[in-house]
Amino acid sequence: MSRIELIATAPMGLESVVARELKQLGYEDLTVENGKVTFAADEAAIARCNLWLRSADRVVLKIGEFRATTFEELFEQTKSLPWADWLPEDAVFPVEGRSVKSKLASVPACQSIVKKAVVERLKQSYCVERFEETGPLFAIEVALRNDIATLTIDTSGAGLHKRGYRTLPVEAPIKETLAAGIILLSRWNPDRILADPCCGSGTIPIEAALIGRNIAPGLNREFSSESWPTLSEGIWRQARIEARELAKWDLPLKIYGSDINKSVIPTARFHAKEAGFGDVIEFRAAPAEEFQMDELYGCMITNPPYGERLGERQEVEDLYSDLGYVASLHDTWSFFVLTSHKGFEKLFEKEADKRRKLYNGRIECHLYQYLGPLPPRKKEASDTGDSEA
C-alpha cells in the first residue's frame, strides 16, 4: 500500500481551489473533474489532507473503477477488488450509493450488490462465513456515472466543514469550507486588514484567522480513519505534530466582523473563542452603511443575505446599495461579495472585475470580485540599510 489513489470531493466551483491546496501540500499528480480532485499519494496523505484541506468536502480512498452495465458485472468487478487490504475482519462497512446517467439506475439494488460482493471477497480473505461488524467504520460508496462505477471508502467521517468550533445553532450559515474557499480566492493575506460587515455567526472571520495563522482546520477534530488498524502506525500522530509545528500561533492579525443583527454577535464571539481567536477577532453590532476604516488596501469578504424570503427583498437591495457606497469610500480596498441576487452589480453600482459561480448549499450564487490595487511591496532590508545577522 505504498501508493494509493485518493479523491478530495469539492463544492461545485471550488475544484481548482482544492487542487491548489493539494499542490501546496506536495501532491502534484492530480486530475480535476466536476466536484472532485483525484490524486496519487502515499497513505500518510490520508491524515495530512484531512487535517489541512480547507475547501474540500471530504477525502475518500479510491478502491477501484470499472464499467458496469449489468448487476453481474457490478458484482464480479467489485468482488475482484482488494477489500481485505483495508477492511479488517471486524470492520463496519455500510454501503451508500448514487447513480447518474447509468443503466444501473436503482441505487438500493447497487448498494445491495456491492455489499454482497464485498462480503464474498472478505469471506475468501478471512475464511469465515459471517461478519459481526463491531469494529471501526469503513463507509463504502458506489458511485455510477455514465455506466462507470467508482468504489471508494470514506476516510473523513463527518464532513470536513465540521471544524469543531461552530457549536451553537445559527440561521442560514455559510459552510466553513465555502467560507475558506472564498478567502483563498481573494487576494487577502495576513498583512492586510480583513472585514466582514455581514458576519453572522463569524464563520468568514474565523476561517480567515485559521488561514492567516496557517492553522490546519482539522487539528481539533477526529476522523473515521484514525481508528483504522490497516493504516501504518503513527501517521496521524506525525501529521498532527507537523501541523502544530507549522502553525504561526502568535502572528498578529487585523480581522473584524460586524452585523446589523445584534443577537448574532455573542454567537460569533463564542465561536471565535472556541476556535482560539477570542482575543484576535473584533466583533461589533453595526449596520453595513456605517462601515469605515482608515487603513488602506484592506479586503472586505462577505456573504450578505440574499433576499430569498418574501418581504426581505427590498431590505436586502438597500443593503447592497449601502455596500456599494462603502466601496466608493474605500478605493484601495478589494471587495468580495457572495450572493444569489441577479441584480447585485446594478445595486452595487459597479461591474465586477470577476465573477465566479458557486453554490451555497443548493442555492446558485456568484462571487462578485472587485479587485483594488495591491499594497506597495515592503522595502527589502537592503533598501533600508538594515542587514540580517
Protein backbone atom coordinates (compact mmCIF):
# COMPACT_ATOMS: atom_id res chain seq x y z
CA MET A 1 0.00 0.00 0.00
CA SER A 2 2.89 2.34 -0.74
CA ARG A 3 0.97 4.33 -3.39
CA ILE A 4 -2.77 4.90 -3.23
CA GLU A 5 -5.35 6.96 -5.08
CA LEU A 6 -7.41 9.46 -3.15
CA ILE A 7 -10.29 11.73 -4.10
CA ALA A 8 -10.91 15.11 -2.48
CA THR A 9 -14.57 15.88 -3.12
CA ALA A 10 -15.21 19.57 -3.72
CA PRO A 11 -18.12 22.00 -3.78
CA MET A 12 -19.03 22.96 -7.35
CA GLY A 13 -16.88 25.90 -8.40
CA LEU A 14 -14.10 25.27 -5.89
CA GLU A 15 -12.38 22.33 -7.61
CA SER A 16 -9.43 24.48 -8.72
CA VAL A 17 -9.05 25.84 -5.19
CA VAL A 18 -8.90 22.31 -3.78
CA ALA A 19 -6.35 21.37 -6.47
CA ARG A 20 -4.18 24.35 -5.50
CA GLU A 21 -4.37 23.31 -1.84
CA LEU A 22 -3.26 19.79 -2.75
CA LYS A 23 -0.32 21.11 -4.76
CA GLN A 24 0.73 23.24 -1.81
CA LEU A 25 0.71 20.05 0.29
CA GLY A 26 3.05 18.47 -2.27
CA TYR A 27 0.61 16.35 -4.31
CA GLU A 28 1.25 17.19 -7.95
CA ASP A 29 -0.12 14.09 -9.70
CA LEU A 30 -3.78 15.05 -9.80
CA THR A 31 -6.82 15.22 -12.06
CA VAL A 32 -9.50 17.90 -11.68
CA GLU A 33 -13.10 17.00 -12.56
CA ASN A 34 -16.52 18.37 -11.69
CA GLY A 35 -16.98 18.03 -7.95
CA LYS A 36 -13.72 16.25 -7.22
CA VAL A 37 -9.94 16.15 -7.49
CA THR A 38 -8.32 12.71 -7.82
CA PHE A 39 -4.67 12.41 -6.83
CA ALA A 40 -1.93 9.85 -6.22
CA ALA A 41 -0.23 9.83 -2.84
CA ASP A 42 1.13 7.69 -0.04
CA GLU A 43 -1.05 6.63 2.87
CA ALA A 44 0.26 9.49 5.01
CA ALA A 45 -1.80 11.77 2.74
CA ILE A 46 -4.97 10.38 4.33
CA ALA A 47 -4.03 12.10 7.57
CA ARG A 48 -2.37 15.20 6.09
CA CYS A 49 -5.20 16.00 3.66
CA ASN A 50 -7.95 15.50 6.22
CA LEU A 51 -6.15 17.84 8.60
CA TRP A 52 -5.17 20.52 6.08
CA LEU A 53 -7.74 20.81 3.30
CA ARG A 54 -9.85 23.91 3.89
CA SER A 55 -12.24 23.96 0.93
CA ALA A 56 -12.78 20.23 0.24
CA ASP A 57 -15.88 18.40 1.45
CA ARG A 58 -14.15 15.12 2.36
CA VAL A 59 -11.31 12.77 1.43
CA VAL A 60 -12.15 9.29 0.13
CA LEU A 61 -9.94 6.33 -0.74
CA LYS A 62 -10.46 5.04 -4.29
CA ILE A 63 -10.54 1.23 -4.28
CA GLY A 64 -11.46 0.68 -7.92
CA GLU A 65 -13.19 1.97 -11.05
CA PHE A 66 -14.72 0.00 -13.92
CA ARG A 67 -17.51 -0.10 -16.47
CA ALA A 68 -20.69 -1.84 -15.30
CA THR A 69 -23.92 -2.07 -17.29
CA THR A 70 -25.29 -5.20 -15.61
CA PHE A 71 -25.64 -6.26 -12.00
CA GLU A 72 -23.45 -9.27 -12.71
CA GLU A 73 -20.62 -7.02 -13.93
CA LEU A 74 -21.00 -4.83 -10.85
CA PHE A 75 -20.86 -7.87 -8.55
CA GLU A 76 -17.90 -9.61 -10.16
CA GLN A 77 -15.79 -6.48 -10.61
CA THR A 78 -16.46 -5.35 -7.04
CA LYS A 79 -15.62 -8.81 -5.70
CA SER A 80 -12.26 -8.73 -7.54
CA LEU A 81 -11.06 -5.64 -5.64
CA PRO A 82 -8.57 -5.94 -2.70
CA TRP A 83 -11.00 -5.14 0.12
CA ALA A 84 -9.03 -7.07 2.77
CA ASP A 85 -6.07 -4.73 2.23
CA TRP A 86 -8.14 -2.14 4.06
CA LEU A 87 -11.06 -3.77 5.90
CA PRO A 88 -10.18 -5.81 9.00
CA GLU A 89 -12.31 -8.81 9.90
CA ASP A 90 -14.45 -6.81 12.36
CA ALA A 91 -14.95 -3.78 10.09
CA VAL A 92 -18.28 -1.99 9.95
CA PHE A 93 -18.86 -1.36 6.23
CA PRO A 94 -22.18 0.21 5.26
CA VAL A 95 -22.64 0.93 1.55
CA GLU A 96 -24.04 4.19 0.19
CA GLY A 97 -24.74 4.80 -3.48
CA ARG A 98 -25.68 7.18 -6.26
CA SER A 99 -26.31 6.79 -9.98
CA VAL A 100 -26.27 9.41 -12.73
CA LYS A 101 -26.97 8.70 -16.42
CA SER A 102 -26.29 4.97 -15.97
CA LYS A 103 -28.13 1.78 -16.93
CA LEU A 104 -27.90 0.59 -13.33
CA ALA A 105 -30.27 3.27 -12.07
CA SER A 106 -31.60 1.53 -8.94
CA VAL A 107 -29.36 2.81 -6.18
CA PRO A 108 -30.70 0.42 -3.46
CA ALA A 109 -30.04 -2.55 -5.76
CA CYS A 110 -26.49 -1.36 -6.49
CA GLN A 111 -25.82 -0.90 -2.77
CA SER A 112 -27.06 -4.41 -2.00
CA ILE A 113 -24.96 -5.99 -4.75
CA VAL A 114 -21.80 -4.16 -3.69
CA LYS A 115 -22.36 -5.21 -0.08
CA LYS A 116 -22.75 -8.85 -1.09
CA ALA A 117 -19.65 -8.69 -3.31
CA VAL A 118 -17.50 -7.21 -0.55
CA VAL A 119 -18.75 -9.87 1.90
CA GLU A 120 -17.88 -12.64 -0.55
CA ARG A 121 -14.39 -11.25 -1.06
CA LEU A 122 -13.82 -10.94 2.69
CA LYS A 123 -15.06 -14.50 3.23
CA GLN A 124 -12.29 -15.69 0.92
CA SER A 125 -9.70 -13.50 2.66
CA TYR A 126 -10.60 -14.30 6.29
CA CYS A 127 -12.01 -17.83 5.84
CA VAL A 128 -15.15 -17.04 7.84
CA GLU A 129 -18.82 -17.18 6.90
CA ARG A 130 -20.20 -14.28 8.95
CA PHE A 131 -19.02 -10.80 9.89
CA GLU A 132 -20.26 -9.22 13.12
CA GLU A 133 -19.25 -5.67 12.07
CA THR A 134 -18.37 -4.47 15.56
CA GLY A 135 -15.09 -2.68 14.77
CA PRO A 136 -14.00 0.55 13.07
CA LEU A 137 -16.10 2.24 10.39
CA PHE A 138 -15.27 1.88 6.69
CA ALA A 139 -18.10 3.65 4.86
CA ILE A 140 -18.16 2.42 1.25
CA GLU A 141 -19.76 4.30 -1.64
CA VAL A 142 -20.61 3.03 -5.11
CA ALA A 143 -20.95 5.98 -7.50
CA LEU A 144 -22.16 5.32 -11.04
CA ARG A 145 -21.85 7.97 -13.73
CA ASN A 146 -22.23 7.22 -17.44
CA ASP A 147 -22.01 3.48 -16.61
CA ILE A 148 -18.63 3.87 -14.87
CA ALA A 149 -18.66 2.60 -11.28
CA THR A 150 -16.27 4.12 -8.76
CA LEU A 151 -15.85 2.33 -5.42
CA THR A 152 -14.49 4.37 -2.52
CA ILE A 153 -14.09 4.28 1.26
CA ASP A 154 -14.65 7.48 3.21
CA THR A 155 -11.65 8.48 5.36
CA SER A 156 -13.14 11.62 6.91
CA GLY A 157 -16.27 10.64 8.79
CA ALA A 158 -18.11 13.90 9.40
CA GLY A 159 -17.71 16.36 6.52
CA LEU A 160 -14.57 18.47 6.56
CA HIS A 161 -16.64 21.61 7.12
CA LYS A 162 -17.13 20.44 10.70
CA ARG A 163 -14.06 22.06 12.26
CA GLY A 164 -15.44 21.79 15.78
CA TYR A 165 -15.74 25.46 16.72
CA ARG A 166 -19.28 26.17 15.47
CA THR A 167 -21.35 24.58 18.20
CA LEU A 168 -24.30 26.97 18.59
CA PRO A 169 -27.28 26.77 16.20
CA VAL A 170 -27.45 29.65 13.71
CA GLU A 171 -29.83 30.64 10.93
CA ALA A 172 -28.67 30.28 7.30
CA PRO A 173 -24.94 29.82 7.99
CA ILE A 174 -22.29 29.58 5.31
CA LYS A 175 -20.32 26.35 5.41
CA GLU A 176 -16.79 26.65 6.73
CA THR A 177 -15.42 25.05 3.54
CA LEU A 178 -17.17 27.59 1.30
CA ALA A 179 -16.04 30.48 3.50
CA ALA A 180 -12.45 29.25 3.35
CA GLY A 181 -12.70 28.79 -0.42
CA ILE A 182 -13.85 32.38 -0.90
CA ILE A 183 -10.99 33.68 1.23
CA LEU A 184 -8.50 31.58 -0.74
CA LEU A 185 -9.93 33.03 -3.97
CA SER A 186 -9.42 36.57 -2.68
CA ARG A 187 -6.16 38.48 -2.61
CA TRP A 188 -6.08 38.62 1.16
CA ASN A 189 -3.00 37.78 3.16
CA PRO A 190 -2.37 38.23 6.90
CA ASP A 191 -0.52 41.52 6.34
CA ARG A 192 -3.79 43.13 5.26
CA ILE A 193 -6.89 44.00 7.20
CA LEU A 194 -9.98 41.84 6.60
CA ALA A 195 -13.54 42.82 7.38
CA ASP A 196 -16.95 41.18 7.08
CA PRO A 197 -19.85 43.62 7.64
CA CYS A 198 -22.46 40.80 7.50
CA CYS A 199 -20.56 38.36 9.69
CA GLY A 200 -23.48 36.41 11.17
CA SER A 201 -22.05 33.70 13.40
CA GLY A 202 -18.48 34.66 12.47
CA THR A 203 -17.53 31.95 10.01
CA ILE A 204 -15.66 34.09 7.46
CA PRO A 205 -13.55 35.97 10.06
CA ILE A 206 -12.75 32.72 11.89
CA GLU A 207 -11.72 30.90 8.69
CA ALA A 208 -9.55 33.90 7.78
CA ALA A 209 -7.82 33.67 11.14
CA LEU A 210 -7.13 29.97 10.61
CA ILE A 211 -5.67 30.74 7.18
CA GLY A 212 -3.73 33.76 8.41
CA ARG A 213 -2.01 31.80 11.17
CA ASN A 214 -1.57 28.69 9.00
CA ILE A 215 -3.51 26.54 11.44
CA ALA A 216 -4.75 23.23 10.00
CA PRO A 217 -8.57 23.42 10.11
CA GLY A 218 -8.95 19.79 11.19
CA LEU A 219 -6.46 19.95 14.04
CA ASN A 220 -9.11 19.89 16.78
CA ARG A 221 -11.45 17.17 15.48
CA GLU A 222 -11.46 13.43 14.90
CA PHE A 223 -11.66 11.47 11.63
CA SER A 224 -13.05 7.99 10.98
CA SER A 225 -9.77 6.67 9.52
CA GLU A 226 -7.90 7.45 12.75
CA SER A 227 -9.25 4.12 14.07
CA TRP A 228 -8.24 2.07 11.03
CA PRO A 229 -5.81 -0.70 12.09
CA THR A 230 -4.77 -1.20 8.44
CA LEU A 231 -3.10 2.23 8.32
CA SER A 232 0.55 2.39 9.29
CA GLU A 233 1.01 3.19 12.96
CA GLY A 234 1.92 6.76 13.71
CA ILE A 235 0.81 8.55 10.52
CA TRP A 236 -1.93 10.50 12.32
CA ARG A 237 0.36 11.37 15.23
CA GLN A 238 3.07 12.57 12.86
CA ALA A 239 0.60 14.60 10.79
CA ARG A 240 -0.66 16.39 13.89
CA ILE A 241 2.89 17.10 15.07
CA GLU A 242 3.70 18.56 11.65
CA ALA A 243 0.56 20.73 11.71
CA ARG A 244 1.33 22.13 15.15
CA GLU A 245 4.91 22.93 14.17
CA LEU A 246 3.81 24.79 11.01
CA ALA A 247 1.21 26.95 12.76
CA LYS A 248 2.06 30.61 13.39
CA TRP A 249 0.27 30.72 16.70
CA ASP A 250 1.10 34.31 17.65
CA LEU A 251 1.04 36.05 14.26
CA PRO A 252 -0.73 39.43 14.63
CA LEU A 253 -3.94 39.70 12.62
CA LYS A 254 -6.37 42.51 11.87
CA ILE A 255 -9.74 40.84 11.35
CA TYR A 256 -13.11 42.45 12.02
CA GLY A 257 -16.70 41.26 11.89
CA SER A 258 -19.89 43.27 12.26
CA ASP A 259 -23.59 42.72 11.70
CA ILE A 260 -26.74 44.79 11.97
CA ASN A 261 -28.34 41.93 13.91
CA LYS A 262 -27.18 42.43 17.50
CA SER A 263 -28.29 38.97 18.57
CA VAL A 264 -25.68 37.17 16.42
CA ILE A 265 -22.64 38.97 17.84
CA PRO A 266 -22.45 36.93 21.09
CA THR A 267 -22.63 33.76 18.98
CA ALA A 268 -19.82 34.99 16.72
CA ARG A 269 -17.67 35.83 19.76
CA PHE A 270 -18.36 32.43 21.30
CA HIS A 271 -17.38 30.61 18.10
CA ALA A 272 -14.22 32.70 17.80
CA LYS A 273 -13.30 31.79 21.36
CA GLU A 274 -13.96 28.10 20.63
CA ALA A 275 -11.61 28.36 17.64
CA GLY A 276 -8.91 30.00 19.76
CA PHE A 277 -9.38 33.55 18.44
CA GLY A 278 -11.39 35.14 21.23
CA ASP A 279 -8.83 37.92 21.62
CA VAL A 280 -7.89 38.11 17.94
CA ILE A 281 -11.10 38.92 16.03
CA GLU A 282 -13.08 42.04 16.90
CA PHE A 283 -16.86 41.77 16.56
CA ARG A 284 -19.43 44.52 16.96
CA ALA A 285 -23.05 45.25 16.16
CA ALA A 286 -23.35 47.84 13.38
CA PRO A 287 -25.14 48.32 10.05
CA ALA A 288 -23.04 47.91 6.92
CA GLU A 289 -23.58 51.55 5.92
CA GLU A 290 -21.59 52.68 8.97
CA PHE A 291 -18.51 50.69 7.95
CA GLN A 292 -15.45 52.95 7.93
CA MET A 293 -11.78 52.02 8.05
CA ASP A 294 -8.84 54.40 7.82
CA GLU A 295 -6.39 51.66 6.85
CA LEU A 296 -5.63 51.21 3.17
CA TYR A 297 -5.55 48.10 0.98
CA GLY A 298 -7.95 46.04 3.06
CA CYS A 299 -10.25 43.24 1.97
CA MET A 300 -13.96 43.06 2.57
CA ILE A 301 -15.21 39.48 2.21
CA THR A 302 -18.86 38.89 2.98
CA ASN A 303 -21.87 36.64 2.48
CA PRO A 304 -24.83 39.01 2.94
CA PRO A 305 -28.50 37.96 2.98
CA TYR A 306 -29.83 37.04 -0.47
CA GLY A 307 -33.41 38.26 -0.17
CA GLU A 308 -34.81 34.80 -0.97
CA ARG A 309 -37.62 35.14 1.56
CA LEU A 310 -40.80 37.01 0.84
CA GLY A 311 -40.72 40.52 2.29
CA GLU A 312 -36.93 40.70 2.65
CA ARG A 313 -36.02 41.69 -0.89
CA GLN A 314 -36.22 45.48 -0.54
CA GLU A 315 -34.21 45.41 2.68
CA VAL A 316 -31.54 43.29 1.03
CA GLU A 317 -31.39 45.52 -2.05
CA ASP A 318 -30.89 48.55 0.20
CA LEU A 319 -28.05 46.65 1.88
CA TYR A 320 -26.36 46.03 -1.48
CA SER A 321 -26.62 49.74 -2.27
CA ASP A 322 -25.04 50.52 1.10
CA LEU A 323 -22.17 48.14 0.34
CA GLY A 324 -21.60 49.93 -2.95
CA TYR A 325 -21.47 53.26 -1.14
CA VAL A 326 -18.98 51.85 1.37
CA ALA A 327 -16.84 50.59 -1.52
CA SER A 328 -16.78 54.07 -3.05
CA LEU A 329 -15.26 55.40 0.18
CA HIS A 330 -12.54 52.72 0.28
CA ASP A 331 -10.99 52.93 -3.17
CA THR A 332 -7.83 51.00 -2.24
CA TRP A 333 -9.79 48.05 -0.85
CA SER A 334 -10.81 44.84 -2.58
CA PHE A 335 -14.38 43.57 -2.20
CA PHE A 336 -15.68 40.01 -2.48
CA VAL A 337 -19.43 39.50 -2.15
CA LEU A 338 -21.28 36.18 -2.45
CA THR A 339 -24.95 36.40 -3.34
CA SER A 340 -27.64 34.74 -5.45
CA HIS A 341 -29.24 38.10 -6.36
CA LYS A 342 -29.07 38.57 -10.14
CA GLY A 343 -29.19 42.35 -9.91
CA PHE A 344 -26.33 42.76 -7.44
CA GLU A 345 -23.96 44.72 -9.70
CA LYS A 346 -26.66 47.24 -10.59
CA LEU A 347 -27.45 47.81 -6.92
CA PHE A 348 -23.73 47.95 -6.01
CA GLU A 349 -23.38 50.47 -8.89
CA LYS A 350 -20.24 48.87 -10.25
CA GLU A 351 -19.50 45.98 -12.58
CA ALA A 352 -17.39 43.27 -11.00
CA ASP A 353 -13.85 42.64 -12.24
CA LYS A 354 -14.50 38.92 -11.97
CA ARG A 355 -17.50 36.67 -11.28
CA ARG A 356 -17.38 33.06 -10.19
CA LYS A 357 -20.35 30.70 -9.96
CA LEU A 358 -20.50 28.93 -6.60
CA TYR A 359 -23.17 27.06 -4.65
CA ASN A 360 -24.16 27.86 -1.09
CA GLY A 361 -25.88 24.58 -0.35
CA ARG A 362 -28.36 24.20 -3.20
CA ILE A 363 -28.51 27.92 -3.95
CA GLU A 364 -26.70 29.03 -7.09
CA CYS A 365 -24.66 32.14 -6.28
CA HIS A 366 -21.94 34.27 -7.78
CA LEU A 367 -18.86 35.60 -6.06
CA TYR A 368 -18.57 39.20 -7.26
CA GLN A 369 -14.92 40.24 -7.12
CA TYR A 370 -13.82 43.88 -7.10
CA LEU A 371 -10.05 43.99 -7.18
CA GLY A 372 -8.45 47.06 -5.66
CA PRO A 373 -4.75 47.89 -6.00
CA LEU A 374 -2.26 45.66 -4.24
CA PRO A 375 -0.38 47.17 -1.29
CA PRO A 376 3.07 48.60 -2.09
CA ARG A 377 5.74 45.94 -1.71
CA LYS A 378 7.61 46.16 1.56
CA LYS A 379 11.11 47.53 1.21
CA GLU A 380 13.82 44.94 1.30
CA ALA A 381 16.34 45.04 4.10
CA SER A 382 18.97 46.33 1.66
CA ASP A 383 16.76 49.28 0.78
CA THR A 384 16.53 50.39 4.40
CA GLY A 385 20.16 49.95 5.22
CA ASP A 386 19.43 47.03 7.56
CA SER A 387 21.15 43.70 7.26
CA GLU A 388 20.44 40.28 8.60
CA ALA A 389 22.59 38.93 11.39
